[in-house]
Amino acid sequence: MLSRAAECLFWAFRYVERAENIARAIDVNLNLTLDQPGNTADQWAPLYQVTGEEIEFVKRYEKATPANVMRFLTFDSTYSNSILSCLLAARENARSVREVISSEMWEQMNKFYLFVQSASETGRALRNPSDFYREVRTASHLLEGLTAATMSHSEAWQFVRMGRMVERADQTSRILDVKYFILLPQLNLVNSPVDDVQWMAVLKSCSGFEMYRKQYGRLLPMTIVEFLLLDREFPRAVLYCLNSACDCLHRITGFAPDEYLESEVLLEKLRSDLSHSATKQIMNSGLHEFIDGLQGRLNGVGAAIHSDFFAPSDLPAKPNGTRHASLS
């Protein structure tokens, strides 16, 4: 298929996944503030800090209040990774490949964007944020289901799925990093009831609380990290996402084992390294440091995919003319 169409499909669904996961991160923090009232800035600042956008946030807003952080991450059209900006970029990419996707997919993509745009104009999200962010997640799930049910599982679908899986792996790691940043200045809370509440919220933000409890029972940081990073069966675990992305990439290339592209080499190496990692080693060496390295390697995979498949494309990746970019 044309590299231009492949790029649009890959990025359209990366942006949708990114929007959903931003909603997840905000929703988990909303739950934490209900269960654990305290210093507002300490609880909300980590949400934009882990995205590397602290300078951009400070330029626009004075304080890290819940309303300011939600507005920045959800509706700020000048911030390229807000939910609204992601969905606008996703819709524009989908619009350019209408002939490849199903009409049901396009209709849901359009409804999704218009729903968030309407909420930005009416202020509805700030009045009832939990319901709003839950609806964002539901809209994303509906689009994912329609994609799986109405689009031929051809090469184009593999690019769609690969985009979602690469982004999901990155975002699950970021949700774990938010937990790290929240506890960092409060080491006395580690292993306390407050700590348990936060870990529970992290699992719920990944829709993994019930599956974790079925598998492990007790809430323990070691097994929660193992579940979200190294589980091979839970669909939001990082290793599951990397395994799925590898499968998509191999199906797209169809190359013999001695003809791997750079993106295949990097992704396979990352998947292999993670599959042979031990949770105890990760925790002892530093969860944040491990996640930081993981995110850097995922950005490298994204750059290699662009070089291998999309470089010939002359299509602007975003409505404002800038190139697509992973979160820094």
Protein backbone atom coordinates (compact mmCIF):
# COMPACT_ATOMS: atom_id res chain seq x y z
CA MET A 1 0.00 0.00 0.00
CA LEU A 2 1.06 3.64 -0.38
CA SER A 3 3.38 4.90 2.34
CA ARG A 4 1.17 7.99 2.67
CA ALA A 5 -1.91 5.87 3.47
CA ALA A 6 0.06 3.65 5.84
CA GLU A 7 1.36 6.68 7.74
CA CYS A 8 -2.11 8.18 8.08
CA LEU A 9 -3.55 4.92 9.42
CA PHE A 10 -0.66 4.33 11.81
CA TRP A 11 -0.85 7.83 13.26
CA ALA A 12 -4.62 8.23 13.27
CA PHE A 13 -4.96 5.34 15.67
CA ARG A 14 -1.87 6.24 17.69
CA TYR A 15 -3.52 9.58 18.35
CA VAL A 16 -6.81 7.93 19.35
CA GLU A 17 -4.95 5.63 21.75
CA ARG A 18 -3.02 8.60 23.14
CA ALA A 19 -6.23 10.54 23.73
CA GLU A 20 -7.77 7.58 25.54
CA ASN A 21 -4.75 7.13 27.77
CA ILE A 22 -4.59 10.79 28.70
CA ALA A 23 -8.20 10.38 29.82
CA ARG A 24 -7.16 7.32 31.82
CA ALA A 25 -4.33 9.18 33.57
CA ILE A 26 -6.60 12.09 34.50
CA ASP A 27 -9.35 9.76 35.68
CA VAL A 28 -6.98 7.87 38.00
CA ASN A 29 -5.90 11.17 39.52
CA LEU A 30 -9.50 12.21 40.06
CA ASN A 31 -10.05 9.00 42.00
CA LEU A 32 -6.90 9.59 44.02
CA THR A 33 -7.96 13.08 45.06
CA LEU A 34 -11.27 11.70 46.31
CA ASP A 35 -9.61 8.97 48.36
CA GLN A 36 -6.59 11.01 49.39
CA PRO A 37 -7.28 14.74 49.85
CA GLY A 38 -4.14 16.78 50.15
CA ASN A 39 -1.93 19.31 48.40
CA THR A 40 -3.51 19.85 44.98
CA ALA A 41 -0.28 20.77 43.19
CA ASP A 42 1.53 17.69 44.53
CA GLN A 43 -1.19 15.45 43.12
CA TRP A 44 -1.79 17.12 39.75
CA ALA A 45 1.63 18.42 38.68
CA PRO A 46 2.96 14.89 37.91
CA LEU A 47 0.40 14.51 35.11
CA TYR A 48 2.10 17.10 32.93
CA GLN A 49 5.59 16.58 34.35
CA VAL A 50 5.83 13.01 33.06
CA THR A 51 4.93 14.19 29.55
CA GLY A 52 7.93 16.53 29.53
CA GLU A 53 5.66 19.56 29.07
CA GLU A 54 6.28 21.37 32.35
CA ILE A 55 7.64 24.49 30.62
CA GLU A 56 4.67 24.65 28.25
CA PHE A 57 2.23 24.29 31.13
CA VAL A 58 3.87 27.02 33.20
CA LYS A 59 3.74 29.39 30.21
CA ARG A 60 -0.03 29.06 30.01
CA TYR A 61 -1.13 28.56 33.62
CA GLU A 62 0.02 29.88 36.97
CA LYS A 63 -0.85 26.96 39.24
CA ALA A 64 -1.29 23.21 38.93
CA THR A 65 -4.94 23.22 39.96
CA PRO A 66 -7.21 20.35 38.85
CA ALA A 67 -9.07 22.66 36.46
CA ASN A 68 -5.86 24.02 34.90
CA VAL A 69 -4.26 20.60 34.42
CA MET A 70 -7.45 19.10 32.98
CA ARG A 71 -7.88 22.07 30.65
CA PHE A 72 -4.27 21.83 29.46
CA LEU A 73 -4.27 18.07 28.88
CA THR A 74 -7.80 17.89 27.49
CA PHE A 75 -8.82 21.03 25.61
CA ASP A 76 -5.74 23.19 24.98
CA SER A 77 -5.64 23.40 21.18
CA THR A 78 -2.17 24.99 21.29
CA TYR A 79 -0.79 21.91 23.06
CA SER A 80 -0.23 19.23 20.42
CA ASN A 81 -0.83 16.28 22.74
CA SER A 82 -4.06 17.39 24.40
CA ILE A 83 -7.04 15.09 23.89
CA LEU A 84 -8.68 17.62 21.59
CA SER A 85 -5.52 18.09 19.49
CA CYS A 86 -4.95 14.33 19.25
CA LEU A 87 -8.50 13.71 18.05
CA LEU A 88 -8.30 16.54 15.53
CA ALA A 89 -5.08 15.05 14.14
CA ALA A 90 -6.63 11.56 14.14
CA ARG A 91 -9.69 12.78 12.26
CA GLU A 92 -7.64 14.64 9.65
CA ASN A 93 -5.48 11.58 9.04
CA ALA A 94 -8.57 9.36 8.79
CA ARG A 95 -10.22 11.83 6.42
CA SER A 96 -7.36 11.48 3.96
CA VAL A 97 -7.76 7.68 3.80
CA ARG A 98 -11.56 7.46 3.74
CA GLU A 99 -11.31 4.97 0.88
CA VAL A 100 -9.33 2.55 3.08
CA ILE A 101 -11.39 2.58 6.27
CA SER A 102 -15.06 1.63 6.68
CA SER A 103 -17.84 4.21 6.83
CA GLU A 104 -18.66 3.06 10.39
CA MET A 105 -15.09 3.82 11.45
CA TRP A 106 -15.18 7.28 9.92
CA GLU A 107 -18.55 8.11 11.49
CA GLN A 108 -17.34 7.08 14.96
CA MET A 109 -14.06 8.98 14.54
CA ASN A 110 -16.00 12.09 13.59
CA LYS A 111 -18.49 11.70 16.45
CA PHE A 112 -15.64 11.19 18.89
CA TYR A 113 -13.93 14.44 17.89
CA LEU A 114 -17.17 16.44 17.84
CA PHE A 115 -18.10 15.14 21.30
CA VAL A 116 -14.84 16.40 22.81
CA GLN A 117 -14.99 19.67 20.86
CA SER A 118 -18.52 20.29 22.15
CA ALA A 119 -17.42 19.56 25.72
CA SER A 120 -14.61 22.10 25.37
CA GLU A 121 -17.09 24.79 24.38
CA THR A 122 -19.71 24.07 27.04
CA GLY A 123 -17.41 23.42 30.01
CA ARG A 124 -19.22 20.17 30.66
CA ALA A 125 -16.06 18.18 31.40
CA LEU A 126 -15.03 20.34 34.34
CA ARG A 127 -18.52 20.13 35.87
CA ASN A 128 -18.61 16.33 35.82
CA PRO A 129 -15.09 15.15 34.89
CA SER A 130 -15.41 11.47 35.86
CA ASP A 131 -18.35 10.94 33.52
CA PHE A 132 -16.67 12.86 30.72
CA TYR A 133 -13.40 10.92 30.83
CA ARG A 134 -15.31 7.65 31.08
CA GLU A 135 -17.18 8.60 27.89
CA VAL A 136 -13.87 9.40 26.17
CA ARG A 137 -12.65 5.90 26.97
CA THR A 138 -15.92 4.34 25.82
CA ALA A 139 -15.80 6.22 22.52
CA SER A 140 -12.26 4.96 21.93
CA HIS A 141 -13.30 1.38 22.73
CA LEU A 142 -16.22 1.65 20.32
CA LEU A 143 -13.91 2.83 17.55
CA GLU A 144 -11.49 -0.01 18.27
CA GLY A 145 -14.33 -2.55 18.13
CA LEU A 146 -15.70 -1.14 14.89
CA THR A 147 -12.22 -1.23 13.37
CA ALA A 148 -11.76 -4.90 14.26
CA ALA A 149 -15.26 -5.82 13.05
CA THR A 150 -15.64 -3.77 9.86
CA MET A 151 -12.14 -3.41 8.36
CA SER A 152 -10.44 -6.19 6.42
CA HIS A 153 -7.52 -7.56 8.41
CA SER A 154 -5.11 -6.75 5.62
CA GLU A 155 -1.87 -4.80 5.55
CA ALA A 156 -3.75 -1.57 6.27
CA TRP A 157 -5.29 -3.05 9.42
CA GLN A 158 -1.85 -4.19 10.57
CA PHE A 159 -0.66 -0.57 10.46
CA VAL A 160 -3.73 0.50 12.46
CA ARG A 161 -3.13 -2.16 15.11
CA MET A 162 0.62 -1.57 15.25
CA GLY A 163 0.06 2.15 15.86
CA ARG A 164 -2.27 1.40 18.75
CA MET A 165 0.05 -1.19 20.29
CA VAL A 166 3.18 0.99 20.18
CA GLU A 167 1.28 3.90 21.70
CA ARG A 168 -0.40 1.72 24.33
CA ALA A 169 2.93 0.31 25.48
CA ASP A 170 4.27 3.83 25.91
CA GLN A 171 1.17 5.08 27.73
CA THR A 172 0.95 2.16 30.16
CA SER A 173 4.53 2.90 31.16
CA ARG A 174 3.62 6.56 31.66
CA ILE A 175 0.73 5.68 33.97
CA LEU A 176 3.23 3.75 36.10
CA ASP A 177 5.54 6.76 36.01
CA VAL A 178 2.77 9.01 37.31
CA LYS A 179 2.56 6.74 40.35
CA TYR A 180 6.31 7.09 40.85
CA PHE A 181 6.18 10.88 40.71
CA ILE A 182 3.23 11.11 43.10
CA LEU A 183 5.06 9.09 45.77
CA LEU A 184 8.52 10.50 45.15
CA PRO A 185 8.29 13.42 47.61
CA GLN A 186 6.42 11.29 50.17
CA LEU A 187 8.57 8.23 50.79
CA ASN A 188 6.93 7.79 54.18
CA LEU A 189 3.74 6.76 52.35
CA VAL A 190 5.34 3.70 50.74
CA ASN A 191 3.66 0.48 51.96
CA SER A 192 1.00 2.52 53.77
CA PRO A 193 -2.79 2.39 53.20
CA VAL A 194 -2.39 5.49 51.01
CA ASP A 195 0.11 3.56 48.90
CA ASP A 196 -2.43 0.74 48.45
CA VAL A 197 -5.10 3.20 47.30
CA GLN A 198 -2.75 4.64 44.71
CA TRP A 199 -1.71 1.25 43.33
CA MET A 200 -5.37 0.26 43.09
CA ALA A 201 -6.08 3.43 41.13
CA VAL A 202 -3.19 2.71 38.76
CA LEU A 203 -4.61 -0.74 37.99
CA LYS A 204 -8.08 0.70 37.45
CA SER A 205 -6.69 3.34 35.10
CA CYS A 206 -5.43 0.48 32.91
CA SER A 207 -8.72 -1.44 33.33
CA GLY A 208 -6.61 -4.12 34.98
CA PHE A 209 -7.79 -4.18 38.59
CA GLU A 210 -10.11 -7.18 38.25
CA MET A 211 -7.72 -9.21 36.09
CA TYR A 212 -4.89 -8.49 38.51
CA ARG A 213 -6.92 -9.60 41.51
CA LYS A 214 -7.88 -12.84 39.75
CA GLN A 215 -4.24 -13.57 39.04
CA TYR A 216 -2.40 -12.29 42.11
CA GLY A 217 -4.94 -11.49 44.83
CA ARG A 218 -3.13 -9.09 47.19
CA LEU A 219 -2.03 -5.62 46.11
CA LEU A 220 1.76 -5.70 46.10
CA PRO A 221 3.94 -3.18 44.20
CA MET A 222 6.21 -5.94 42.89
CA THR A 223 3.41 -7.98 41.34
CA ILE A 224 1.56 -4.90 40.05
CA VAL A 225 4.68 -3.80 38.16
CA GLU A 226 5.11 -7.35 36.89
CA PHE A 227 1.48 -7.43 35.71
CA LEU A 228 1.57 -4.08 33.89
CA LEU A 229 5.03 -4.48 32.38
CA LEU A 230 5.64 -8.20 31.83
CA ASP A 231 2.30 -9.97 31.51
CA ARG A 232 1.90 -11.76 28.16
CA GLU A 233 -1.90 -12.02 28.24
CA PHE A 234 -3.27 -8.75 29.62
CA PRO A 235 -3.91 -6.46 26.59
CA ARG A 236 -2.57 -3.30 28.24
CA ALA A 237 0.61 -4.81 29.62
CA VAL A 238 3.69 -3.45 27.90
CA LEU A 239 5.06 -6.87 26.91
CA TYR A 240 1.72 -7.92 25.42
CA CYS A 241 1.67 -4.71 23.36
CA LEU A 242 5.22 -5.25 22.12
CA ASN A 243 4.49 -8.86 21.18
CA SER A 244 1.44 -7.69 19.23
CA ALA A 245 3.36 -4.88 17.53
CA CYS A 246 6.09 -7.34 16.50
CA ASP A 247 3.47 -9.66 15.01
CA CYS A 248 1.95 -6.78 13.02
CA LEU A 249 5.34 -5.67 11.74
CA HIS A 250 6.34 -9.17 10.64
CA ARG A 251 3.00 -9.60 8.84
CA ILE A 252 3.52 -6.31 7.04
CA THR A 253 7.06 -7.04 5.86
CA GLY A 254 6.80 -10.78 5.25
CA PHE A 255 10.60 -10.80 5.12
CA ALA A 256 12.83 -13.81 5.62
CA PRO A 257 14.70 -13.90 8.97
CA ASP A 258 17.88 -12.55 7.38
CA GLU A 259 16.14 -9.53 5.82
CA TYR A 260 14.89 -7.59 8.83
CA LEU A 261 14.35 -3.86 8.57
CA GLU A 262 15.77 -1.57 11.25
CA SER A 263 12.33 -1.16 12.83
CA GLU A 264 11.97 -4.93 13.13
CA VAL A 265 15.41 -5.27 14.69
CA LEU A 266 14.79 -2.54 17.26
CA LEU A 267 11.30 -3.69 18.15
CA GLU A 268 12.29 -7.35 18.39
CA LYS A 269 15.29 -6.47 20.55
CA LEU A 270 13.13 -4.38 22.88
CA ARG A 271 10.53 -7.13 23.11
CA SER A 272 13.18 -9.75 23.81
CA ASP A 273 14.93 -7.64 26.45
CA LEU A 274 11.68 -6.96 28.26
CA SER A 275 10.56 -10.60 28.12
CA HIS A 276 13.82 -11.59 29.86
CA SER A 277 13.60 -8.86 32.51
CA ALA A 278 12.92 -9.73 36.13
CA THR A 279 10.60 -7.57 38.22
CA LYS A 280 12.94 -7.61 41.20
CA GLN A 281 15.80 -6.36 39.06
CA ILE A 282 13.59 -3.58 37.63
CA MET A 283 12.55 -2.40 41.08
CA ASN A 284 16.06 -2.58 42.53
CA SER A 285 17.58 -0.61 39.67
CA GLY A 286 14.79 2.00 39.82
CA LEU A 287 11.32 1.86 38.27
CA HIS A 288 11.50 5.40 36.94
CA GLU A 289 14.91 4.84 35.35
CA PHE A 290 13.68 1.62 33.73
CA ILE A 291 10.56 3.30 32.36
CA ASP A 292 12.57 6.26 31.12
CA GLY A 293 14.83 3.90 29.16
CA LEU A 294 11.82 1.99 27.84
CA GLN A 295 10.18 5.15 26.56
CA GLY A 296 13.38 6.25 24.87
CA ARG A 297 13.63 2.93 23.04
CA LEU A 298 9.97 3.09 22.04
CA ASN A 299 10.63 6.52 20.52
CA GLY A 300 13.52 4.95 18.62
CA VAL A 301 11.19 2.24 17.30
CA GLY A 302 8.74 4.90 16.16
CA ALA A 303 11.50 6.79 14.33
CA ALA A 304 12.64 3.57 12.62
CA ILE A 305 9.08 2.75 11.51
CA HIS A 306 8.85 6.22 10.00
CA SER A 307 12.17 5.77 8.20
CA ASP A 308 11.34 2.27 6.92
CA PHE A 309 7.77 2.90 5.77
CA PHE A 310 6.75 6.56 5.78
CA ALA A 311 9.77 8.61 4.74
CA PRO A 312 8.63 8.96 1.10
CA SER A 313 5.33 10.50 2.26
CA ASP A 314 4.88 14.22 1.65
CA LEU A 315 1.67 14.42 3.66
CA PRO A 316 1.76 16.79 6.64
CA ALA A 317 1.23 14.63 9.67
CA LYS A 318 -0.76 17.18 11.62
CA PRO A 319 -3.27 19.85 10.65
CA ASN A 320 -0.82 22.59 11.68
CA GLY A 321 1.82 21.25 9.32
CA THR A 322 4.22 19.87 11.93
CA ARG A 323 5.58 16.37 11.82
CA HIS A 324 4.19 13.57 13.91
CA ALA A 325 6.16 13.10 17.11
CA SER A 326 6.08 10.79 20.04
CA LEU A 327 5.77 12.21 23.52
CA SER A 328 9.19 13.24 24.71
